[in-house]
Every structure is written in C-alpha cells, then in structure tokens.
Amino acid sequence: MAKKRSDKTDEENLFIGDEYAEEDDSEKQETTENEMEGLYDLMIPPGIPESVIVELVEEFDLEPVSRTANVDIVEVDAREILMLRGDLETVNEAHDYMIQRTHEVLDEAFKSPWVKD
C-alpha cells in the first residue's frame, strides 16, 4: 500500500527533491522590499585600494554586498560588483571620502622600483 504524504515534512516523510521544492516567496519578497526601502548602494569601482574599502565599511557602518551588473569595458558582460549599502546621506559622505582617500593613497610616496632618486 502506498504511503500517504503528509503536509508536515520531517526525516520520515522527506521525499527526494523535497529539499529543493520552491516555497511561496510572496511574503518574503514583501519584507525584503520593505527592508530595502531608503537604502542606497555605493558602487566600488575597480582599482580602489582594499584599505580604503575597509575604512569605508568601518567608519561609515556600511554593509558590503555584491550585485550582478552589466559592465561595458570591452564587451558588455555581467559581473559581480562590490557595493556598500546604507542610507542616502551616509552613502554620499562615504563617496566623497572614498574619492579623497583614493587620491591620498595614490599620491603617497609611491615610486616605481625602477625609478632612482
């Protein structure tokens, strides 16, 4: 006789593939949209020193996230891009700080090993 599948899943009545079954995401999607309201992303361009990124996260209390976006360098390719997420005012302040610190880091006594004094 066939075993009747119950609504409650546990180790006894877990069928192959049940762990991959799609759930109703409508409630999750609504909460995610509400949580995202008022948050903005600051894109970190390639070449920003890691030390500056760490300073931004620590000083401005921004959340590092990654997003897939089309990047048009030679060809349009979808790539993972580092973003720092926070409220608008904080993101704007972090942007200005990122530009300032990047210029400072690049202007600090960096010399090529082939250049002699």
Protein backbone atom coordinates (compact mmCIF):
# COMPACT_ATOMS: atom_id res chain seq x y z
CA MET A 1 0.00 0.00 0.00
CA ALA A 2 1.31 3.50 -0.87
CA LYS A 3 2.37 5.76 1.93
CA LYS A 4 0.31 8.95 2.12
CA ARG A 5 2.36 12.12 2.04
CA SER A 6 1.63 14.40 4.98
CA ASP A 7 1.85 18.18 4.98
CA LYS A 8 4.47 18.11 7.71
CA THR A 9 7.94 17.20 6.47
CA ASP A 10 10.42 15.51 8.72
CA GLU A 11 13.10 12.88 8.24
CA GLU A 12 10.50 10.09 7.95
CA ASN A 13 8.45 11.55 5.11
CA LEU A 14 11.06 13.56 3.24
CA PHE A 15 10.91 12.62 -0.43
CA ILE A 16 13.76 13.02 -2.87
CA GLY A 17 13.67 16.55 -4.26
CA ASP A 18 11.55 17.99 -1.42
CA GLU A 19 14.55 19.92 -0.15
CA TYR A 20 14.59 21.77 -3.48
CA ALA A 21 10.87 22.44 -3.68
CA GLU A 22 10.01 26.07 -4.25
CA GLU A 23 8.21 27.83 -1.46
CA ASP A 24 5.79 30.70 -1.74
CA ASP A 25 8.10 33.73 -1.71
CA SER A 26 5.42 36.44 -1.81
CA GLU A 27 5.67 37.17 1.92
CA LYS A 28 9.47 37.08 1.85
CA GLN A 29 9.53 39.41 -1.15
CA GLU A 30 7.30 41.98 0.60
CA THR A 31 9.53 42.00 3.69
CA THR A 32 12.65 42.31 1.55
CA GLU A 33 11.19 45.28 -0.34
CA ASN A 34 10.23 46.97 2.95
CA GLU A 35 13.70 46.35 4.40
CA MET A 36 15.35 47.79 1.27
CA GLU A 37 13.29 50.97 1.33
CA GLY A 38 15.50 54.00 1.99
CA LEU A 39 18.78 52.16 1.34
CA TYR A 40 21.21 53.10 -1.41
CA ASP A 41 24.25 51.37 -2.91
CA LEU A 42 27.67 52.91 -3.43
CA MET A 43 29.44 51.11 -6.25
CA ILE A 44 33.12 50.46 -5.60
CA PRO A 45 34.94 50.90 -8.92
CA PRO A 46 37.79 48.56 -9.82
CA GLY A 47 41.16 49.81 -8.58
CA ILE A 48 40.01 51.21 -5.24
CA PRO A 49 42.57 50.07 -2.66
CA GLU A 50 41.35 47.45 -0.21
CA SER A 51 42.44 49.61 2.73
CA VAL A 52 40.08 52.38 1.59
CA ILE A 53 37.18 49.90 1.30
CA VAL A 54 37.83 48.64 4.84
CA GLU A 55 37.92 52.24 6.12
CA LEU A 56 34.58 52.96 4.42
CA VAL A 57 32.89 49.92 5.97
CA GLU A 58 34.25 50.62 9.46
CA GLU A 59 33.92 54.41 9.56
CA PHE A 60 30.52 54.77 7.90
CA ASP A 61 29.00 51.48 9.10
CA LEU A 62 28.03 50.42 5.59
CA GLU A 63 27.04 46.88 4.65
CA PRO A 64 29.16 45.28 1.91
CA VAL A 65 27.04 43.49 -0.69
CA SER A 66 27.64 42.26 -4.20
CA ARG A 67 25.38 42.71 -7.18
CA THR A 68 25.48 41.45 -10.71
CA ALA A 69 25.53 44.25 -13.25
CA ASN A 70 26.45 44.70 -16.88
CA VAL A 71 29.92 46.16 -17.21
CA ASP A 72 30.83 47.68 -20.55
CA ILE A 73 34.62 47.57 -20.72
CA VAL A 74 35.33 45.83 -24.00
CA GLU A 75 32.16 43.80 -24.25
CA VAL A 76 29.04 44.00 -22.13
CA ASP A 77 29.47 41.27 -19.54
CA ALA A 78 27.53 40.59 -16.37
CA ARG A 79 29.96 40.76 -13.43
CA GLU A 80 29.81 40.75 -9.66
CA ILE A 81 30.34 44.29 -8.39
CA LEU A 82 31.09 45.26 -4.78
CA MET A 83 28.60 47.71 -3.32
CA LEU A 84 28.37 49.36 0.07
CA ARG A 85 24.78 49.77 1.26
CA GLY A 86 23.41 52.43 3.60
CA ASP A 87 21.14 55.45 3.83
CA LEU A 88 21.49 58.25 1.26
CA GLU A 89 23.34 60.77 3.44
CA THR A 90 25.87 58.20 4.65
CA VAL A 91 26.45 56.85 1.14
CA ASN A 92 27.07 60.38 -0.18
CA GLU A 93 29.56 61.10 2.62
CA ALA A 94 31.27 57.75 2.00
CA HIS A 95 31.54 58.55 -1.72
CA ASP A 96 33.31 61.85 -1.04
CA TYR A 97 35.59 60.16 1.49
CA MET A 98 36.38 57.33 -0.98
CA ILE A 99 37.48 59.82 -3.67
CA GLN A 100 39.56 61.85 -1.20
CA ARG A 101 41.29 58.81 0.37
CA THR A 102 41.98 57.20 -3.01
CA HIS A 103 43.77 60.35 -4.17
CA GLU A 104 45.73 60.47 -0.89
CA VAL A 105 46.76 56.82 -1.14
CA LEU A 106 47.83 57.21 -4.77
CA ASP A 107 49.76 60.42 -4.05
CA GLU A 108 51.56 58.96 -1.02
CA ALA A 109 55.20 58.28 -1.75
CA PHE A 110 54.54 55.61 -4.35
CA LYS A 111 57.56 55.21 -6.53
CA SER A 112 58.36 52.63 -9.10
CA PRO A 113 61.22 50.31 -8.14
CA TRP A 114 62.89 51.25 -11.43
CA VAL A 115 62.95 55.00 -10.70
CA LYS A 116 66.05 56.13 -8.84
CA ASP A 117 66.14 59.24 -6.70
